[in-house]
Amino acid sequence: MATIRVHTTQNVTIEYEVASLGDRIVATLLDYLIRIAWAAAAVGILAAIASGAEGNHHVNYHDTAEVVGTALAILICIILFAPVVFYNLGCELLLNGQTIGKKARDLRVVRLDGTAPRFGDYFLRWLLRIVDLDLPVAGGLVAIITILVNGKGQRLGDMAAGTTVISLKPRPAGLASAARYAEAVPAGYQPVFAQAADLSDHDVALLHQLLSQSLRHGNYVLLNEAATKIKSLLHLQSDLSDEAFLRTILRDHAYLVAQG
C-alpha cells in the first residue's frame, strides 16, 4: 500500500500509510447513507407538520402571526437540512479529521506538513466536494481519477487544502517495533500509568517513531510536544522527564496489552 512521508515543522520525517481507494469509497458510502437517512427523517417531519397545516395559501404579510409562522417554518427547514449539507465539514471539525464513515474505516484527514488541519483546510475540502463527489453526472468519478493519478491519496479538495487521508490501521513495521519494545518489559513489572492501555496500536507506533527520531536528532522540543500531547490525551500528570515519561508509557502499554 502507498505511503507518504510527512516532514513536520520540527524537521522530523514521519511515514504514514495512505488510505486505500477501497476504504475511502466504503467510508464515503457510509457517510452518504447517514445523510440520506437524516434527509428522509427530515422530510418525514416536514410532511407531518404540513399535514397539520390548514391548507396552502399565499402568505398574508399584513398578518403578523402568519408571517412569524412562515418564518418559523423556514427556520425549521434550515435546521433540519443543515446537517445534510454540512455533515462532512461539521464531522471533520468536531471529530479531528474524521467523519463517521472514516471512523468506521480507521481513516483520518491530515495536512502534508504534519500539522493538524485548520478550519480553512476542512472548508476547502468540503467546498470542492461538489466537483469531486457530488456532481450528478460524474458521481465521484473525478475524485477516483484524481486519487489514482495523484499518488498521495488526494482528491481535488485535498490538493487545494494541502491535505490527504491516511489509514490509522496498525502497520506491520509499527507492530514489530511494539513487539521488540514489549520484550524489554522485565518480569514482575508493575505499570505506572494504567491509561496507557487506551492508546491505539497506531498511536504507539507513531509515539515510538517520534521518540526515536527526536532523540536521534536531539530535538527536545518535539520530545516535549509529544509528552504534552500524550498527557493531554490520557489526562495524565507526571513529574518524570519527557523521555522517561514516554518510555514509561510505551512500556506500560506493552505490558497492559500483553496482559489482555
Protein backbone atom coordinates (compact mmCIF):
# COMPACT_ATOMS: atom_id res chain seq x y z
CA MET A 1 0.00 0.00 0.00
CA ALA A 2 1.20 3.53 -0.80
CA THR A 3 2.81 5.65 1.89
CA ILE A 4 3.65 9.33 2.21
CA ARG A 5 6.47 10.96 4.11
CA VAL A 6 5.41 13.97 6.15
CA HIS A 7 8.13 16.49 7.01
CA THR A 8 6.98 18.13 10.23
CA THR A 9 7.74 21.68 11.35
CA GLN A 10 10.26 20.13 13.77
CA ASN A 11 12.28 18.77 10.82
CA VAL A 12 11.30 15.17 11.53
CA THR A 13 10.04 12.83 8.83
CA ILE A 14 7.08 10.60 9.68
CA GLU A 15 5.76 7.95 7.33
CA TYR A 16 2.02 7.43 7.02
CA GLU A 17 0.08 4.82 5.10
CA VAL A 18 -2.22 6.46 2.56
CA ALA A 19 -5.83 5.34 2.83
CA SER A 20 -6.72 2.85 0.13
CA LEU A 21 -9.21 3.85 -2.53
CA GLY A 22 -11.49 1.00 -1.45
CA ASP A 23 -11.56 2.19 2.18
CA ARG A 24 -12.31 5.74 1.07
CA ILE A 25 -15.16 4.59 -1.17
CA VAL A 26 -16.68 2.49 1.65
CA ALA A 27 -16.32 5.39 4.10
CA THR A 28 -17.96 7.78 1.62
CA LEU A 29 -20.86 5.38 1.00
CA LEU A 30 -21.41 5.03 4.75
CA ASP A 31 -21.48 8.82 5.08
CA TYR A 32 -23.94 9.08 2.17
CA LEU A 33 -26.23 6.53 3.87
CA ILE A 34 -26.19 8.59 7.06
CA ARG A 35 -27.00 11.78 5.15
CA ILE A 36 -29.79 10.07 3.19
CA ALA A 37 -31.28 8.64 6.39
CA TRP A 38 -31.22 12.08 8.03
CA ALA A 39 -32.77 13.70 4.94
CA ALA A 40 -35.53 11.08 4.88
CA ALA A 41 -36.26 11.71 8.56
CA ALA A 42 -36.32 15.48 7.91
CA VAL A 43 -38.78 15.06 5.03
CA GLY A 44 -40.97 12.89 7.25
CA ILE A 45 -41.02 15.54 9.98
CA LEU A 46 -41.85 18.29 7.49
CA ALA A 47 -44.60 16.16 5.95
CA ALA A 48 -46.11 15.61 9.38
CA ILE A 49 -46.00 19.34 10.10
CA ALA A 50 -47.51 20.17 6.71
CA SER A 51 -50.34 17.69 7.19
CA GLY A 52 -51.41 19.59 10.27
CA ALA A 53 -51.47 22.92 8.46
CA GLU A 54 -54.75 24.50 7.38
CA GLY A 55 -54.21 24.22 3.64
CA ASN A 56 -51.81 26.03 1.33
CA HIS A 57 -52.19 29.71 0.57
CA HIS A 58 -50.12 32.78 -0.08
CA VAL A 59 -48.61 34.48 2.94
CA ASN A 60 -50.56 37.46 4.16
CA TYR A 61 -47.77 39.88 5.02
CA HIS A 62 -50.22 42.08 6.89
CA ASP A 63 -50.88 39.27 9.36
CA THR A 64 -48.02 39.26 11.88
CA ALA A 65 -48.86 35.80 13.21
CA GLU A 66 -48.83 34.31 9.69
CA VAL A 67 -45.51 35.96 8.85
CA VAL A 68 -43.95 34.68 12.08
CA GLY A 69 -45.34 31.20 11.40
CA THR A 70 -43.87 31.19 7.89
CA ALA A 71 -40.50 32.38 9.20
CA LEU A 72 -40.53 29.60 11.80
CA ALA A 73 -41.35 27.04 9.12
CA ILE A 74 -38.40 28.23 7.03
CA LEU A 75 -36.15 28.14 10.12
CA ILE A 76 -37.23 24.57 10.87
CA CYS A 77 -36.39 23.56 7.30
CA ILE A 78 -32.93 25.09 7.61
CA ILE A 79 -32.30 23.38 10.96
CA LEU A 80 -33.47 20.01 9.68
CA PHE A 81 -31.46 20.05 6.44
CA ALA A 82 -28.30 21.85 7.63
CA PRO A 83 -26.77 18.58 8.93
CA VAL A 84 -27.24 17.03 5.49
CA VAL A 85 -25.43 19.90 3.78
CA PHE A 86 -22.70 20.48 6.38
CA TYR A 87 -22.30 16.87 7.56
CA ASN A 88 -18.73 16.33 6.30
CA LEU A 89 -17.47 19.76 7.36
CA GLY A 90 -19.02 19.51 10.81
CA CYS A 91 -17.82 15.96 11.46
CA GLU A 92 -14.24 16.62 10.40
CA LEU A 93 -14.10 19.74 12.58
CA LEU A 94 -15.59 18.03 15.64
CA LEU A 95 -14.03 14.56 15.24
CA ASN A 96 -10.44 15.60 14.49
CA GLY A 97 -10.43 14.93 10.76
CA GLN A 98 -12.90 12.06 10.73
CA THR A 99 -16.49 11.54 9.65
CA ILE A 100 -18.49 8.59 10.97
CA GLY A 101 -17.65 6.70 7.79
CA LYS A 102 -13.94 7.47 8.12
CA LYS A 103 -14.02 6.47 11.77
CA ALA A 104 -15.59 3.14 10.85
CA ARG A 105 -12.76 2.51 8.35
CA ASP A 106 -9.98 3.93 10.59
CA LEU A 107 -9.22 6.89 8.31
CA ARG A 108 -8.30 10.48 9.11
CA VAL A 109 -7.62 13.74 7.27
CA VAL A 110 -4.13 15.19 7.90
CA ARG A 111 -2.04 18.00 6.43
CA LEU A 112 1.01 17.18 4.36
CA ASP A 113 3.24 19.34 6.60
CA GLY A 114 2.42 17.28 9.68
CA THR A 115 0.25 19.93 11.38
CA ALA A 116 -3.41 19.49 12.23
CA PRO A 117 -5.82 20.75 9.53
CA ARG A 118 -7.35 24.15 10.19
CA PHE A 119 -10.91 25.31 9.55
CA GLY A 120 -9.90 26.71 6.16
CA ASP A 121 -8.48 23.33 5.12
CA TYR A 122 -11.63 21.47 6.08
CA PHE A 123 -13.74 24.16 4.41
CA LEU A 124 -11.85 23.81 1.10
CA ARG A 125 -12.25 20.02 1.18
CA TRP A 126 -15.97 20.41 1.86
CA LEU A 127 -16.46 23.11 -0.79
CA LEU A 128 -14.76 21.10 -3.54
CA ARG A 129 -16.82 18.00 -2.74
CA ILE A 130 -19.29 19.48 -5.25
CA VAL A 131 -16.76 18.83 -8.02
CA ASP A 132 -15.11 15.73 -6.54
CA LEU A 133 -18.08 13.73 -5.35
CA ASP A 134 -21.45 15.43 -5.67
CA LEU A 135 -21.73 16.16 -9.40
CA PRO A 136 -24.86 14.31 -10.64
CA VAL A 137 -23.18 13.06 -13.83
CA ALA A 138 -19.69 12.21 -12.52
CA GLY A 139 -20.85 10.63 -9.26
CA GLY A 140 -17.41 10.59 -7.63
CA LEU A 141 -15.52 9.75 -10.82
CA VAL A 142 -13.49 12.96 -10.57
CA ALA A 143 -12.33 12.06 -7.05
CA ILE A 144 -11.47 8.47 -8.02
CA ILE A 145 -9.40 9.54 -11.04
CA THR A 146 -7.62 12.29 -9.10
CA ILE A 147 -6.74 9.95 -6.20
CA LEU A 148 -5.41 7.27 -8.56
CA VAL A 149 -3.32 9.73 -10.61
CA ASN A 150 -2.09 11.92 -7.75
CA GLY A 151 -0.18 9.24 -5.83
CA LYS A 152 -0.70 10.92 -2.43
CA GLY A 153 -4.29 9.90 -1.87
CA GLN A 154 -5.54 13.39 -2.70
CA ARG A 155 -8.74 14.39 -4.44
CA LEU A 156 -9.12 17.95 -5.72
CA GLY A 157 -10.27 19.18 -2.32
CA ASP A 158 -7.17 17.69 -0.68
CA MET A 159 -4.87 19.19 -3.29
CA ALA A 160 -6.35 22.64 -2.71
CA ALA A 161 -6.17 22.30 1.09
CA GLY A 162 -2.76 20.59 1.25
CA THR A 163 -4.25 17.55 2.97
CA THR A 164 -4.60 13.84 2.41
CA VAL A 165 -6.39 10.91 4.05
CA ILE A 166 -4.32 8.35 5.94
CA SER A 167 -5.08 4.93 7.37
CA LEU A 168 -4.89 4.52 11.15
CA LYS A 169 -4.77 0.74 10.92
CA PRO A 170 -1.62 -0.66 12.52
CA ARG A 171 1.21 -1.27 10.09
CA PRO A 172 3.39 -4.40 10.34
CA ALA A 173 6.52 -2.32 10.88
CA GLY A 174 4.87 -0.41 13.71
CA LEU A 175 3.68 -3.61 15.36
CA ALA A 176 7.12 -5.13 15.04
CA SER A 177 8.59 -2.15 16.87
CA ALA A 178 5.99 -2.52 19.60
CA ALA A 179 6.78 -6.21 19.90
CA ARG A 180 10.51 -5.52 20.25
CA TYR A 181 9.77 -2.98 22.94
CA ALA A 182 7.48 -5.44 24.72
CA GLU A 183 10.40 -7.86 25.10
CA ALA A 184 12.20 -5.22 27.20
CA VAL A 185 9.49 -5.31 29.90
CA PRO A 186 11.08 -7.05 32.92
CA ALA A 187 9.42 -9.92 34.77
CA GLY A 188 7.14 -8.76 37.56
CA TYR A 189 6.82 -5.31 36.04
CA GLN A 190 4.18 -3.05 37.60
CA PRO A 191 2.63 -0.48 35.22
CA VAL A 192 2.74 3.16 36.28
CA PHE A 193 0.03 4.62 34.04
CA ALA A 194 -2.98 2.34 33.53
CA GLN A 195 -4.35 4.83 30.97
CA ALA A 196 -1.60 3.75 28.57
CA ALA A 197 -3.83 0.83 27.58
CA ASP A 198 -6.18 3.34 25.92
CA LEU A 199 -3.62 4.14 23.21
CA SER A 200 -4.24 2.54 19.82
CA ASP A 201 -1.59 0.49 18.03
CA HIS A 202 -1.19 3.37 15.57
CA ASP A 203 -0.64 5.83 18.43
CA VAL A 204 2.00 3.59 19.98
CA ALA A 205 3.83 3.02 16.68
CA LEU A 206 3.82 6.77 15.96
CA LEU A 207 4.96 7.60 19.51
CA HIS A 208 7.80 5.07 19.26
CA GLN A 209 8.86 6.65 15.96
CA LEU A 210 8.70 10.19 17.36
CA LEU A 211 10.69 9.20 20.45
CA SER A 212 13.41 7.52 18.38
CA GLN A 213 13.72 10.36 15.87
CA SER A 214 13.64 13.18 18.43
CA LEU A 215 16.42 11.54 20.45
CA ARG A 216 18.43 10.77 17.32
CA HIS A 217 18.28 14.40 16.18
CA GLY A 218 18.45 15.91 19.66
CA ASN A 219 15.06 17.53 19.05
CA TYR A 220 13.87 18.05 22.62
CA VAL A 221 11.16 20.49 21.56
CA LEU A 222 9.44 17.69 19.65
CA LEU A 223 10.01 15.36 22.60
CA ASN A 224 8.26 17.84 24.90
CA GLU A 225 5.40 18.32 22.45
CA ALA A 226 4.89 14.54 22.21
CA ALA A 227 4.89 14.17 26.01
CA THR A 228 2.47 17.09 26.40
CA LYS A 229 0.14 15.63 23.76
CA ILE A 230 0.10 12.21 25.46
CA LYS A 231 -0.57 13.77 28.87
CA SER A 232 -3.46 15.75 27.41
CA LEU A 233 -4.82 12.75 25.50
CA LEU A 234 -4.73 10.42 28.52
CA HIS A 235 -5.48 13.14 31.13
CA LEU A 236 -2.23 12.47 32.99
CA GLN A 237 0.18 14.46 35.12
CA SER A 238 3.76 13.41 35.77
CA ASP A 239 7.00 14.83 37.18
CA LEU A 240 9.07 12.46 35.03
CA SER A 241 11.28 13.91 32.33
CA ASP A 242 9.77 13.86 28.85
CA GLU A 243 11.91 10.93 27.70
CA ALA A 244 11.33 8.91 30.87
CA PHE A 245 7.60 9.60 30.71
CA LEU A 246 7.27 8.48 27.08
CA ARG A 247 9.35 5.35 27.65
CA THR A 248 7.18 4.51 30.65
CA ILE A 249 4.01 4.99 28.61
CA LEU A 250 5.33 2.65 25.90
CA ARG A 251 6.42 0.06 28.46
CA ASP A 252 3.09 0.28 30.31
CA HIS A 253 1.14 -0.11 27.07
CA ALA A 254 3.16 -3.13 26.04
CA TYR A 255 2.66 -4.74 29.45
CA LEU A 256 -1.08 -3.99 29.70
CA VAL A 257 -1.81 -5.20 26.17
CA ALA A 258 0.12 -8.40 26.80
CA GLN A 259 -1.93 -8.99 29.94
CA GLY A 260 -5.12 -8.67 27.89
